[in-house]
Amino acid sequence: MLELHEQLVRLLALGYTGNAQLKTLLNYLLKAGHTADPAAFLQALADRTKDHQHKETLMNIAQYLREEGMAQGLNQGRAEGIEQEALRIAKVMLEKGLLPETVTQLTGLAPEIVEQARH
């Protein structure tokens, strides 16, 4: 999508696009464009745009995407940590002689995971 930067900068410079049109265009581009880093794309576009209002809109959207990505990363990390702790507890329970079915019920882990933890 980087090849679109120049064309988008020229389009924005013409002054025919309002904020609603800009947001619609960016929404489409980011969903259909398959960019690996949408925030970087928007930041680069904002850096090249002269129009203050468009620049602010682009930077706000880029910041929102960064914050959304960080929140998703934190949530994923928490979920992985909780699962690792449940697995650690399951291993201790199995070592103490609890039945795999009981460990599954108490930890909420899938029976296959509890079975793997036994070995």
PDB file of N, CA and C in Angstrom:
ATOM      1  N   MET A   1       0.812  -1.202   0.000  1.00  0.00           N
ATOM      2  CA  MET A   1       0.000   0.000   0.000  1.00  0.00           C
ATOM      3  C   MET A   1       0.852   1.262   0.000  1.00  0.00           C
ATOM      4  N   LEU A   2       2.128   1.090   0.234  1.00  0.00           N
ATOM      5  CA  LEU A   2       2.976   2.276   0.260  1.00  0.00           C
ATOM      6  C   LEU A   2       2.990   3.008  -1.078  1.00  0.00           C
ATOM      7  N   GLU A   3       2.755   2.275  -2.168  1.00  0.00           N
ATOM      8  CA  GLU A   3       2.741   2.914  -3.481  1.00  0.00           C
ATOM      9  C   GLU A   3       1.566   3.881  -3.622  1.00  0.00           C
ATOM     10  N   LEU A   4       0.580   3.780  -2.755  1.00  0.00           N
ATOM     11  CA  LEU A   4      -0.575   4.682  -2.792  1.00  0.00           C
ATOM     12  C   LEU A   4      -0.316   6.013  -2.089  1.00  0.00           C
ATOM     13  N   HIS A   5       0.762   6.097  -1.322  1.00  0.00           N
ATOM     14  CA  HIS A   5       1.028   7.314  -0.544  1.00  0.00           C
ATOM     15  C   HIS A   5       0.973   8.567  -1.401  1.00  0.00           C
ATOM     16  N   GLU A   6       1.710   8.577  -2.498  1.00  0.00           N
ATOM     17  CA  GLU A   6       1.782   9.783  -3.331  1.00  0.00           C
ATOM     18  C   GLU A   6       0.408  10.170  -3.865  1.00  0.00           C
ATOM     19  N   GLN A   7      -0.331   9.180  -4.330  1.00  0.00           N
ATOM     20  CA  GLN A   7      -1.660   9.453  -4.872  1.00  0.00           C
ATOM     21  C   GLN A   7      -2.599   9.979  -3.791  1.00  0.00           C
ATOM     22  N   LEU A   8      -2.525   9.400  -2.615  1.00  0.00           N
ATOM     23  CA  LEU A   8      -3.376   9.855  -1.510  1.00  0.00           C
ATOM     24  C   LEU A   8      -2.996  11.257  -1.050  1.00  0.00           C
ATOM     25  N   VAL A   9      -1.705  11.537  -0.992  1.00  0.00           N
ATOM     26  CA  VAL A   9      -1.253  12.871  -0.592  1.00  0.00           C
ATOM     27  C   VAL A   9      -1.772  13.905  -1.585  1.00  0.00           C
ATOM     28  N   ARG A  10      -1.669  13.583  -2.887  1.00  0.00           N
ATOM     29  CA  ARG A  10      -2.167  14.517  -3.902  1.00  0.00           C
ATOM     30  C   ARG A  10      -3.681  14.698  -3.799  1.00  0.00           C
ATOM     31  N   LEU A  11      -4.400  13.613  -3.548  1.00  0.00           N
ATOM     32  CA  LEU A  11      -5.853  13.690  -3.410  1.00  0.00           C
ATOM     33  C   LEU A  11      -6.233  14.574  -2.223  1.00  0.00           C
ATOM     34  N   LEU A  12      -5.566  14.379  -1.106  1.00  0.00           N
ATOM     35  CA  LEU A  12      -5.857  15.184   0.086  1.00  0.00           C
ATOM     36  C   LEU A  12      -5.475  16.647  -0.124  1.00  0.00           C
ATOM     37  N   ALA A  13      -4.412  16.883  -0.881  1.00  0.00           N
ATOM     38  CA  ALA A  13      -3.955  18.254  -1.117  1.00  0.00           C
ATOM     39  C   ALA A  13      -4.955  19.049  -1.950  1.00  0.00           C
ATOM     40  N   LEU A  14      -5.760  18.373  -2.753  1.00  0.00           N
ATOM     41  CA  LEU A  14      -6.747  19.070  -3.574  1.00  0.00           C
ATOM     42  C   LEU A  14      -7.835  19.727  -2.727  1.00  0.00           C
ATOM     43  N   GLY A  15      -8.036  19.200  -1.529  1.00  0.00           N
ATOM     44  CA  GLY A  15      -8.993  19.818  -0.611  1.00  0.00           C
ATOM     45  C   GLY A  15     -10.445  19.447  -0.864  1.00  0.00           C
ATOM     46  N   TYR A  16     -10.686  18.430  -1.667  1.00  0.00           N
ATOM     47  CA  TYR A  16     -12.063  18.040  -1.973  1.00  0.00           C
ATOM     48  C   TYR A  16     -12.614  17.007  -0.991  1.00  0.00           C
ATOM     49  N   THR A  17     -11.779  16.501  -0.126  1.00  0.00           N
ATOM     50  CA  THR A  17     -12.228  15.446   0.784  1.00  0.00           C
ATOM     51  C   THR A  17     -12.438  16.008   2.181  1.00  0.00           C
ATOM     52  N   GLY A  18     -13.601  15.721   2.735  1.00  0.00           N
ATOM     53  CA  GLY A  18     -13.887  16.091   4.117  1.00  0.00           C
ATOM     54  C   GLY A  18     -13.465  14.966   5.038  1.00  0.00           C
ATOM     55  N   ASN A  19     -13.614  15.169   6.327  1.00  0.00           N
ATOM     56  CA  ASN A  19     -13.220  14.150   7.299  1.00  0.00           C
ATOM     57  C   ASN A  19     -14.006  12.855   7.127  1.00  0.00           C
ATOM     58  N   ALA A  20     -15.305  12.958   6.869  1.00  0.00           N
ATOM     59  CA  ALA A  20     -16.118  11.751   6.701  1.00  0.00           C
ATOM     60  C   ALA A  20     -15.641  10.950   5.491  1.00  0.00           C
ATOM     61  N   GLN A  21     -15.351  11.646   4.398  1.00  0.00           N
ATOM     62  CA  GLN A  21     -14.858  10.958   3.205  1.00  0.00           C
ATOM     63  C   GLN A  21     -13.487  10.335   3.464  1.00  0.00           C
ATOM     64  N   LEU A  22     -12.639  11.062   4.163  1.00  0.00           N
ATOM     65  CA  LEU A  22     -11.309  10.556   4.479  1.00  0.00           C
ATOM     66  C   LEU A  22     -11.400   9.293   5.325  1.00  0.00           C
ATOM     67  N   LYS A  23     -12.242   9.329   6.349  1.00  0.00           N
ATOM     68  CA  LYS A  23     -12.389   8.161   7.221  1.00  0.00           C
ATOM     69  C   LYS A  23     -12.942   6.967   6.457  1.00  0.00           C
ATOM     70  N   THR A  24     -13.892   7.196   5.567  1.00  0.00           N
ATOM     71  CA  THR A  24     -14.452   6.112   4.756  1.00  0.00           C
ATOM     72  C   THR A  24     -13.384   5.519   3.849  1.00  0.00           C
ATOM     73  N   LEU A  25     -12.609   6.383   3.203  1.00  0.00           N
ATOM     74  CA  LEU A  25     -11.534   5.931   2.328  1.00  0.00           C
ATOM     75  C   LEU A  25     -10.507   5.112   3.094  1.00  0.00           C
ATOM     76  N   LEU A  26     -10.094   5.621   4.246  1.00  0.00           N
ATOM     77  CA  LEU A  26      -9.090   4.913   5.046  1.00  0.00           C
ATOM     78  C   LEU A  26      -9.625   3.593   5.577  1.00  0.00           C
ATOM     79  N   ASN A  27     -10.874   3.572   5.993  1.00  0.00           N
ATOM     80  CA  ASN A  27     -11.487   2.336   6.460  1.00  0.00           C
ATOM     81  C   ASN A  27     -11.432   1.277   5.368  1.00  0.00           C
ATOM     82  N   TYR A  28     -11.796   1.665   4.160  1.00  0.00           N
ATOM     83  CA  TYR A  28     -11.757   0.720   3.044  1.00  0.00           C
ATOM     84  C   TYR A  28     -10.325   0.272   2.762  1.00  0.00           C
ATOM     85  N   LEU A  29      -9.406   1.215   2.678  1.00  0.00           N
ATOM     86  CA  LEU A  29      -8.022   0.876   2.366  1.00  0.00           C
ATOM     87  C   LEU A  29      -7.405  -0.051   3.401  1.00  0.00           C
ATOM     88  N   LEU A  30      -7.669   0.220   4.666  1.00  0.00           N
ATOM     89  CA  LEU A  30      -7.067  -0.596   5.710  1.00  0.00           C
ATOM     90  C   LEU A  30      -7.670  -1.987   5.777  1.00  0.00           C
ATOM     91  N   LYS A  31      -8.934  -2.113   5.428  1.00  0.00           N
ATOM     92  CA  LYS A  31      -9.563  -3.433   5.436  1.00  0.00           C
ATOM     93  C   LYS A  31      -9.212  -4.234   4.190  1.00  0.00           C
ATOM     94  N   ALA A  32      -9.146  -3.575   3.053  1.00  0.00           N
ATOM     95  CA  ALA A  32      -8.915  -4.280   1.789  1.00  0.00           C
ATOM     96  C   ALA A  32      -7.446  -4.289   1.384  1.00  0.00           C
ATOM     97  N   GLY A  33      -6.648  -3.418   1.982  1.00  0.00           N
ATOM     98  CA  GLY A  33      -5.277  -3.244   1.531  1.00  0.00           C
ATOM     99  C   GLY A  33      -4.260  -4.228   2.061  1.00  0.00           C
ATOM    100  N   HIS A  34      -4.586  -4.942   3.101  1.00  0.00           N
ATOM    101  CA  HIS A  34      -3.703  -5.957   3.673  1.00  0.00           C
ATOM    102  C   HIS A  34      -2.332  -5.408   4.062  1.00  0.00           C
ATOM    103  N   THR A  35      -2.312  -4.275   4.701  1.00  0.00           N
ATOM    104  CA  THR A  35      -1.043  -3.733   5.180  1.00  0.00           C
ATOM    105  C   THR A  35      -0.689  -4.388   6.510  1.00  0.00           C
ATOM    106  N   ALA A  36       0.578  -4.688   6.683  1.00  0.00           N
ATOM    107  CA  ALA A  36       1.024  -5.349   7.912  1.00  0.00           C
ATOM    108  C   ALA A  36       0.993  -4.402   9.106  1.00  0.00           C
ATOM    109  N   ASP A  37       1.203  -3.129   8.848  1.00  0.00           N
ATOM    110  CA  ASP A  37       1.255  -2.149   9.933  1.00  0.00           C
ATOM    111  C   ASP A  37       0.420  -0.923   9.560  1.00  0.00           C
ATOM    112  N   PRO A  38      -0.904  -0.982   9.793  1.00  0.00           N
ATOM    113  CA  PRO A  38      -1.769   0.131   9.413  1.00  0.00           C
ATOM    114  C   PRO A  38      -1.396   1.448  10.092  1.00  0.00           C
ATOM    115  N   ALA A  39      -0.955   1.384  11.336  1.00  0.00           N
ATOM    116  CA  ALA A  39      -0.595   2.618  12.047  1.00  0.00           C
ATOM    117  C   ALA A  39       0.596   3.296  11.370  1.00  0.00           C
ATOM    118  N   ALA A  40       1.568   2.520  10.949  1.00  0.00           N
ATOM    119  CA  ALA A  40       2.733   3.090  10.258  1.00  0.00           C
ATOM    120  C   ALA A  40       2.326   3.681   8.908  1.00  0.00           C
ATOM    121  N   PHE A  41       1.417   3.008   8.221  1.00  0.00           N
ATOM    122  CA  PHE A  41       0.909   3.530   6.944  1.00  0.00           C
ATOM    123  C   PHE A  41       0.264   4.894   7.150  1.00  0.00           C
ATOM    124  N   LEU A  42      -0.599   4.991   8.153  1.00  0.00           N
ATOM    125  CA  LEU A  42      -1.289   6.246   8.429  1.00  0.00           C
ATOM    126  C   LEU A  42      -0.323   7.328   8.902  1.00  0.00           C
ATOM    127  N   GLN A  43       0.643   6.949   9.709  1.00  0.00           N
ATOM    128  CA  GLN A  43       1.622   7.917  10.191  1.00  0.00           C
ATOM    129  C   GLN A  43       2.441   8.475   9.027  1.00  0.00           C
ATOM    130  N   ALA A  44       2.851   7.599   8.117  1.00  0.00           N
ATOM    131  CA  ALA A  44       3.617   8.054   6.953  1.00  0.00           C
ATOM    132  C   ALA A  44       2.775   8.970   6.082  1.00  0.00           C
ATOM    133  N   LEU A  45       1.495   8.651   5.942  1.00  0.00           N
ATOM    134  CA  LEU A  45       0.593   9.500   5.165  1.00  0.00           C
ATOM    135  C   LEU A  45       0.422  10.855   5.853  1.00  0.00           C
ATOM    136  N   ALA A  46       0.274  10.846   7.168  1.00  0.00           N
ATOM    137  CA  ALA A  46       0.127  12.097   7.922  1.00  0.00           C
ATOM    138  C   ALA A  46       1.382  12.952   7.798  1.00  0.00           C
ATOM    139  N   ASP A  47       2.529  12.314   7.804  1.00  0.00           N
ATOM    140  CA  ASP A  47       3.791  13.059   7.688  1.00  0.00           C
ATOM    141  C   ASP A  47       3.907  13.784   6.348  1.00  0.00           C
ATOM    142  N   ARG A  48       3.270  13.239   5.314  1.00  0.00           N
ATOM    143  CA  ARG A  48       3.371  13.833   3.979  1.00  0.00           C
ATOM    144  C   ARG A  48       2.237  14.786   3.661  1.00  0.00           C
ATOM    145  N   THR A  49       1.199  14.798   4.489  1.00  0.00           N
ATOM    146  CA  THR A  49       0.018  15.617   4.232  1.00  0.00           C
ATOM    147  C   THR A  49       0.218  17.027   4.775  1.00  0.00           C
ATOM    148  N   LYS A  50      -0.141  18.011   3.979  1.00  0.00           N
ATOM    149  CA  LYS A  50       0.009  19.421   4.385  1.00  0.00           C
ATOM    150  C   LYS A  50      -1.216  19.939   5.147  1.00  0.00           C
ATOM    151  N   ASP A  51      -2.394  19.422   4.813  1.00  0.00           N
ATOM    152  CA  ASP A  51      -3.643  19.888   5.419  1.00  0.00           C
ATOM    153  C   ASP A  51      -3.674  19.501   6.898  1.00  0.00           C
ATOM    154  N   HIS A  52      -3.772  20.511   7.763  1.00  0.00           N
ATOM    155  CA  HIS A  52      -3.725  20.287   9.214  1.00  0.00           C
ATOM    156  C   HIS A  52      -4.860  19.384   9.694  1.00  0.00           C
ATOM    157  N   GLN A  53      -6.075  19.601   9.203  1.00  0.00           N
ATOM    158  CA  GLN A  53      -7.225  18.817   9.649  1.00  0.00           C
ATOM    159  C   GLN A  53      -7.056  17.344   9.264  1.00  0.00           C
ATOM    160  N   HIS A  54      -6.631  17.085   8.034  1.00  0.00           N
ATOM    161  CA  HIS A  54      -6.411  15.700   7.603  1.00  0.00           C
ATOM    162  C   HIS A  54      -5.258  15.064   8.375  1.00  0.00           C
ATOM    163  N   LYS A  55      -4.214  15.846   8.593  1.00  0.00           N
ATOM    164  CA  LYS A  55      -3.053  15.343   9.335  1.00  0.00           C
ATOM    165  C   LYS A  55      -3.480  14.918  10.745  1.00  0.00           C
ATOM    166  N   GLU A  56      -4.286  15.749  11.394  1.00  0.00           N
ATOM    167  CA  GLU A  56      -4.760  15.430  12.751  1.00  0.00           C
ATOM    168  C   GLU A  56      -5.630  14.182  12.744  1.00  0.00           C
ATOM    169  N   THR A  57      -6.522  14.072  11.768  1.00  0.00           N
ATOM    170  CA  THR A  57      -7.385  12.888  11.659  1.00  0.00           C
ATOM    171  C   THR A  57      -6.542  11.635  11.470  1.00  0.00           C
ATOM    172  N   LEU A  58      -5.581  11.691  10.577  1.00  0.00           N
ATOM    173  CA  LEU A  58      -4.716  10.538  10.306  1.00  0.00           C
ATOM    174  C   LEU A  58      -3.926  10.143  11.540  1.00  0.00           C
ATOM    175  N   MET A  59      -3.389  11.130  12.242  1.00  0.00           N
ATOM    176  CA  MET A  59      -2.597  10.832  13.433  1.00  0.00           C
ATOM    177  C   MET A  59      -3.464  10.261  14.558  1.00  0.00           C
ATOM    178  N   ASN A  60      -4.691  10.755  14.689  1.00  0.00           N
ATOM    179  CA  ASN A  60      -5.606  10.217  15.705  1.00  0.00           C
ATOM    180  C   ASN A  60      -5.954   8.761  15.423  1.00  0.00           C
ATOM    181  N   ILE A  61      -6.215   8.459  14.163  1.00  0.00           N
ATOM    182  CA  ILE A  61      -6.547   7.077  13.805  1.00  0.00           C
ATOM    183  C   ILE A  61      -5.334   6.174  14.025  1.00  0.00           C
ATOM    184  N   ALA A  62      -4.147   6.651  13.641  1.00  0.00           N
ATOM    185  CA  ALA A  62      -2.928   5.863  13.839  1.00  0.00           C
ATOM    186  C   ALA A  62      -2.710   5.587  15.327  1.00  0.00           C
ATOM    187  N   GLN A  63      -2.903   6.600  16.169  1.00  0.00           N
ATOM    188  CA  GLN A  63      -2.743   6.425  17.613  1.00  0.00           C
ATOM    189  C   GLN A  63      -3.757   5.432  18.160  1.00  0.00           C
ATOM    190  N   TYR A  64      -4.994   5.522  17.688  1.00  0.00           N
ATOM    191  CA  TYR A  64      -6.031   4.584  18.124  1.00  0.00           C
ATOM    192  C   TYR A  64      -5.635   3.148  17.765  1.00  0.00           C
ATOM    193  N   LEU A  65      -5.127   2.950  16.549  1.00  0.00           N
ATOM    194  CA  LEU A  65      -4.731   1.608  16.123  1.00  0.00           C
ATOM    195  C   LEU A  65      -3.575   1.075  16.969  1.00  0.00           C
ATOM    196  N   ARG A  66      -2.631   1.950  17.310  1.00  0.00           N
ATOM    197  CA  ARG A  66      -1.521   1.525  18.166  1.00  0.00           C
ATOM    198  C   ARG A  66      -2.035   1.092  19.539  1.00  0.00           C
ATOM    199  N   GLU A  67      -2.914   1.905  20.122  1.00  0.00           N
ATOM    200  CA  GLU A  67      -3.456   1.585  21.444  1.00  0.00           C
ATOM    201  C   GLU A  67      -4.281   0.308  21.405  1.00  0.00           C
ATOM    202  N   GLU A  68      -5.043   0.125  20.338  1.00  0.00           N
ATOM    203  CA  GLU A  68      -5.846  -1.093  20.187  1.00  0.00           C
ATOM    204  C   GLU A  68      -4.938  -2.317  20.098  1.00  0.00           C
ATOM    205  N   GLY A  69      -3.858  -2.206  19.362  1.00  0.00           N
ATOM    206  CA  GLY A  69      -2.896  -3.300  19.237  1.00  0.00           C
ATOM    207  C   GLY A  69      -2.237  -3.637  20.566  1.00  0.00           C
ATOM    208  N   MET A  70      -1.893  -2.603  21.329  1.00  0.00           N
ATOM    209  CA  MET A  70      -1.286  -2.841  22.636  1.00  0.00           C
ATOM    210  C   MET A  70      -2.276  -3.529  23.574  1.00  0.00           C
ATOM    211  N   ALA A  71      -3.533  -3.103  23.543  1.00  0.00           N
ATOM    212  CA  ALA A  71      -4.546  -3.720  24.404  1.00  0.00           C
ATOM    213  C   ALA A  71      -4.747  -5.184  24.039  1.00  0.00           C
ATOM    214  N   GLN A  72      -4.770  -5.471  22.747  1.00  0.00           N
ATOM    215  CA  GLN A  72      -4.922  -6.861  22.317  1.00  0.00           C
ATOM    216  C   GLN A  72      -3.733  -7.699  22.766  1.00  0.00           C
ATOM    217  N   GLY A  73      -2.536  -7.137  22.656  1.00  0.00           N
ATOM    218  CA  GLY A  73      -1.340  -7.848  23.098  1.00  0.00           C
ATOM    219  C   GLY A  73      -1.364  -8.136  24.592  1.00  0.00           C
ATOM    220  N   LEU A  74      -1.789  -7.160  25.379  1.00  0.00           N
ATOM    221  CA  LEU A  74      -1.888  -7.361  26.829  1.00  0.00           C
ATOM    222  C   LEU A  74      -2.914  -8.436  27.164  1.00  0.00           C
ATOM    223  N   ASN A  75      -4.062  -8.393  26.516  1.00  0.00           N
ATOM    224  CA  ASN A  75      -5.097  -9.400  26.777  1.00  0.00           C
ATOM    225  C   ASN A  75      -4.623 -10.795  26.395  1.00  0.00           C
ATOM    226  N   GLN A  76      -3.939 -10.893  25.276  1.00  0.00           N
ATOM    227  CA  GLN A  76      -3.419 -12.191  24.856  1.00  0.00           C
ATOM    228  C   GLN A  76      -2.372 -12.694  25.851  1.00  0.00           C
ATOM    229  N   GLY A  77      -1.507 -11.800  26.297  1.00  0.00           N
ATOM    230  CA  GLY A  77      -0.490 -12.179  27.280  1.00  0.00           C
ATOM    231  C   GLY A  77      -1.093 -12.643  28.591  1.00  0.00           C
ATOM    232  N   ARG A  78      -2.115 -11.946  29.035  1.00  0.00           N
ATOM    233  CA  ARG A  78      -2.798 -12.354  30.278  1.00  0.00           C
ATOM    234  C   ARG A  78      -3.420 -13.738  30.129  1.00  0.00           C
ATOM    235  N   ALA A  79      -4.097 -13.957  29.002  1.00  0.00           N
ATOM    236  CA  ALA A  79      -4.753 -15.256  28.766  1.00  0.00           C
ATOM    237  C   ALA A  79      -3.721 -16.378  28.740  1.00  0.00           C
ATOM    238  N   GLU A  80      -2.588 -16.128  28.091  1.00  0.00           N
ATOM    239  CA  GLU A  80      -1.534 -17.147  28.043  1.00  0.00           C
ATOM    240  C   GLU A  80      -0.964 -17.400  29.432  1.00  0.00           C
ATOM    241  N   GLY A  81      -0.798 -16.353  30.217  1.00  0.00           N
ATOM    242  CA  GLY A  81      -0.290 -16.503  31.576  1.00  0.00           C
ATOM    243  C   GLY A  81      -1.246 -17.305  32.451  1.00  0.00           C
ATOM    244  N   ILE A  82      -2.521 -17.030  32.313  1.00  0.00           N
ATOM    245  CA  ILE A  82      -3.524 -17.764  33.096  1.00  0.00           C
ATOM    246  C   ILE A  82      -3.516 -19.236  32.713  1.00  0.00           C
ATOM    247  N   GLU A  83      -3.408 -19.511  31.419  1.00  0.00           N
ATOM    248  CA  GLU A  83      -3.395 -20.907  30.970  1.00  0.00           C
ATOM    249  C   GLU A  83      -2.131 -21.624  31.455  1.00  0.00           C
ATOM    250  N   GLN A  84      -0.994 -20.945  31.420  1.00  0.00           N
ATOM    251  CA  GLN A  84       0.247 -21.551  31.906  1.00  0.00           C
ATOM    252  C   GLN A  84       0.160 -21.868  33.392  1.00  0.00           C
ATOM    253  N   GLU A  85      -0.442 -20.958  34.157  1.00  0.00           N
ATOM    254  CA  GLU A  85      -0.589 -21.192  35.594  1.00  0.00           C
ATOM    255  C   GLU A  85      -1.541 -22.360  35.854  1.00  0.00           C
ATOM    256  N   ALA A  86      -2.620 -22.442  35.082  1.00  0.00           N
ATOM    257  CA  ALA A  86      -3.550 -23.569  35.235  1.00  0.00           C
ATOM    258  C   ALA A  86      -2.844 -24.883  34.906  1.00  0.00           C
ATOM    259  N   LEU A  87      -1.993 -24.869  33.905  1.00  0.00           N
ATOM    260  CA  LEU A  87      -1.242 -26.074  33.544  1.00  0.00           C
ATOM    261  C   LEU A  87      -0.264 -26.455  34.649  1.00  0.00           C
ATOM    262  N   ARG A  88       0.389 -25.457  35.242  1.00  0.00           N
ATOM    263  CA  ARG A  88       1.315 -25.734  36.347  1.00  0.00           C
ATOM    264  C   ARG A  88       0.566 -26.360  37.525  1.00  0.00           C
ATOM    265  N   ILE A  89      -0.585 -25.794  37.834  1.00  0.00           N
ATOM    266  CA  ILE A  89      -1.400 -26.321  38.937  1.00  0.00           C
ATOM    267  C   ILE A  89      -1.877 -27.734  38.621  1.00  0.00           C
ATOM    268  N   ALA A  90      -2.263 -27.973  37.367  1.00  0.00           N
ATOM    269  CA  ALA A  90      -2.723 -29.308  36.962  1.00  0.00           C
ATOM    270  C   ALA A  90      -1.606 -30.333  37.155  1.00  0.00           C
ATOM    271  N   LYS A  91      -0.385 -29.970  36.812  1.00  0.00           N
ATOM    272  CA  LYS A  91       0.737 -30.900  36.971  1.00  0.00           C
ATOM    273  C   LYS A  91       0.941 -31.248  38.441  1.00  0.00           C
ATOM    274  N   VAL A  92       0.835 -30.244  39.309  1.00  0.00           N
ATOM    275  CA  VAL A  92       0.978 -30.490  40.750  1.00  0.00           C
ATOM    276  C   VAL A  92      -0.142 -31.406  41.234  1.00  0.00           C
ATOM    277  N   MET A  93      -1.353 -31.152  40.797  1.00  0.00           N
ATOM    278  CA  MET A  93      -2.495 -31.984  41.206  1.00  0.00           C
ATOM    279  C   MET A  93      -2.297 -33.436  40.773  1.00  0.00           C
ATOM    280  N   LEU A  94      -1.829 -33.605  39.538  1.00  0.00           N
ATOM    281  CA  LEU A  94      -1.596 -34.959  39.040  1.00  0.00           C
ATOM    282  C   LEU A  94      -0.484 -35.648  39.817  1.00  0.00           C
ATOM    283  N   GLU A  95       0.578 -34.892  40.158  1.00  0.00           N
ATOM    284  CA  GLU A  95       1.671 -35.450  40.960  1.00  0.00           C
ATOM    285  C   GLU A  95       1.185 -35.869  42.343  1.00  0.00           C
ATOM    286  N   LYS A  96       0.174 -35.157  42.862  1.00  0.00           N
ATOM    287  CA  LYS A  96      -0.373 -35.463  44.192  1.00  0.00           C
ATOM    288  C   LYS A  96      -1.379 -36.611  44.134  1.00  0.00           C
ATOM    289  N   GLY A  97      -1.643 -37.128  42.927  1.00  0.00           N
ATOM    290  CA  GLY A  97      -2.491 -38.307  42.792  1.00  0.00           C
ATOM    291  C   GLY A  97      -3.943 -38.048  42.431  1.00  0.00           C
ATOM    292  N   LEU A  98      -4.311 -36.819  42.121  1.00  0.00           N
ATOM    293  CA  LEU A  98      -5.690 -36.566  41.720  1.00  0.00           C
ATOM    294  C   LEU A  98      -5.949 -37.180  40.340  1.00  0.00           C
ATOM    295  N   LEU A  99      -7.151 -37.628  40.137  1.00  0.00           N
ATOM    296  CA  LEU A  99      -7.535 -38.224  38.853  1.00  0.00           C
ATOM    297  C   LEU A  99      -7.583 -37.136  37.766  1.00  0.00           C
ATOM    298  N   PRO A 100      -7.210 -37.493  36.545  1.00  0.00           N
ATOM    299  CA  PRO A 100      -7.256 -36.517  35.445  1.00  0.00           C
ATOM    300  C   PRO A 100      -8.630 -35.859  35.277  1.00  0.00           C
ATOM    301  N   GLU A 101      -9.700 -36.619  35.489  1.00  0.00           N
ATOM    302  CA  GLU A 101     -11.046 -36.052  35.363  1.00  0.00           C
ATOM    303  C   GLU A 101     -11.283 -34.960  36.403  1.00  0.00           C
ATOM    304  N   THR A 102     -10.788 -35.178  37.607  1.00  0.00           N
ATOM    305  CA  THR A 102     -10.922 -34.192  38.677  1.00  0.00           C
ATOM    306  C   THR A 102     -10.106 -32.945  38.350  1.00  0.00           C
ATOM    307  N   VAL A 103      -8.902 -33.146  37.846  1.00  0.00           N
ATOM    308  CA  VAL A 103      -8.032 -32.025  37.486  1.00  0.00           C
ATOM    309  C   VAL A 103      -8.687 -31.204  36.371  1.00  0.00           C
ATOM    310  N   THR A 104      -9.285 -31.881  35.402  1.00  0.00           N
ATOM    311  CA  THR A 104      -9.981 -31.195  34.303  1.00  0.00           C
ATOM    312  C   THR A 104     -11.109 -30.333  34.849  1.00  0.00           C
ATOM    313  N   GLN A 105     -11.886 -30.881  35.766  1.00  0.00           N
ATOM    314  CA  GLN A 105     -13.009 -30.136  36.346  1.00  0.00           C
ATOM    315  C   GLN A 105     -12.528 -28.931  37.150  1.00  0.00           C
ATOM    316  N   LEU A 106     -11.485 -29.112  37.931  1.00  0.00           N
ATOM    317  CA  LEU A 106     -11.017 -28.045  38.811  1.00  0.00           C
ATOM    318  C   LEU A 106     -10.264 -26.927  38.085  1.00  0.00           C
ATOM    319  N   THR A 107      -9.524 -27.288  37.047  1.00  0.00           N
ATOM    320  CA  THR A 107      -8.706 -26.278  36.354  1.00  0.00           C
ATOM    321  C   THR A 107      -9.398 -25.673  35.145  1.00  0.00           C
ATOM    322  N   GLY A 108     -10.369 -26.391  34.590  1.00  0.00           N
ATOM    323  CA  GLY A 108     -11.022 -25.912  33.373  1.00  0.00           C
ATOM    324  C   GLY A 108     -10.217 -26.197  32.118  1.00  0.00           C
ATOM    325  N   LEU A 109      -9.106 -26.904  32.265  1.00  0.00           N
ATOM    326  CA  LEU A 109      -8.301 -27.271  31.101  1.00  0.00           C
ATOM    327  C   LEU A 109      -8.975 -28.394  30.322  1.00  0.00           C
ATOM    328  N   ALA A 110      -8.699 -28.451  29.049  1.00  0.00           N
ATOM    329  CA  ALA A 110      -9.246 -29.516  28.203  1.00  0.00           C
ATOM    330  C   ALA A 110      -8.648 -30.854  28.632  1.00  0.00           C
ATOM    331  N   PRO A 111      -9.426 -31.926  28.527  1.00  0.00           N
ATOM    332  CA  PRO A 111      -8.929 -33.243  28.926  1.00  0.00           C
ATOM    333  C   PRO A 111      -7.632 -33.635  28.202  1.00  0.00           C
ATOM    334  N   GLU A 112      -7.483 -33.233  26.942  1.00  0.00           N
ATOM    335  CA  GLU A 112      -6.268 -33.569  26.185  1.00  0.00           C
ATOM    336  C   GLU A 112      -5.036 -32.891  26.798  1.00  0.00           C
ATOM    337  N   ILE A 113      -5.218 -31.665  27.255  1.00  0.00           N
ATOM    338  CA  ILE A 113      -4.096 -30.939  27.857  1.00  0.00           C
ATOM    339  C   ILE A 113      -3.715 -31.556  29.184  1.00  0.00           C
ATOM    340  N   VAL A 114      -4.714 -31.938  29.978  1.00  0.00           N
ATOM    341  CA  VAL A 114      -4.446 -32.599  31.257  1.00  0.00           C
ATOM    342  C   VAL A 114      -3.729 -33.937  31.006  1.00  0.00           C
ATOM    343  N   GLU A 115      -4.155 -34.640  29.992  1.00  0.00           N
ATOM    344  CA  GLU A 115      -3.536 -35.920  29.653  1.00  0.00           C
ATOM    345  C   GLU A 115      -2.073 -35.713  29.246  1.00  0.00           C
ATOM    346  N   GLN A 116      -1.807 -34.681  28.489  1.00  0.00           N
ATOM    347  CA  GLN A 116      -0.422 -34.376  28.096  1.00  0.00           C
ATOM    348  C   GLN A 116       0.417 -34.005  29.317  1.00  0.00           C
ATOM    349  N   ALA A 117      -0.200 -33.338  30.276  1.00  0.00           N
ATOM    350  CA  ALA A 117       0.518 -32.904  31.481  1.00  0.00           C
ATOM    351  C   ALA A 117       0.919 -34.114  32.337  1.00  0.00           C
ATOM    352  N   ARG A 118       0.218 -35.206  32.191  1.00  0.00           N
ATOM    353  CA  ARG A 118       0.541 -36.416  32.958  1.00  0.00           C
ATOM    354  C   ARG A 118       1.856 -37.008  32.511  1.00  0.00           C
ATOM    355  N   HIS A 119       2.261 -36.774  31.307  1.00  0.00           N
ATOM    356  CA  HIS A 119       3.440 -37.458  30.745  1.00  0.00           C
ATOM    357  C   HIS A 119       4.616 -36.552  30.656  1.00  0.00           C
TER     358      HIS A 119
END
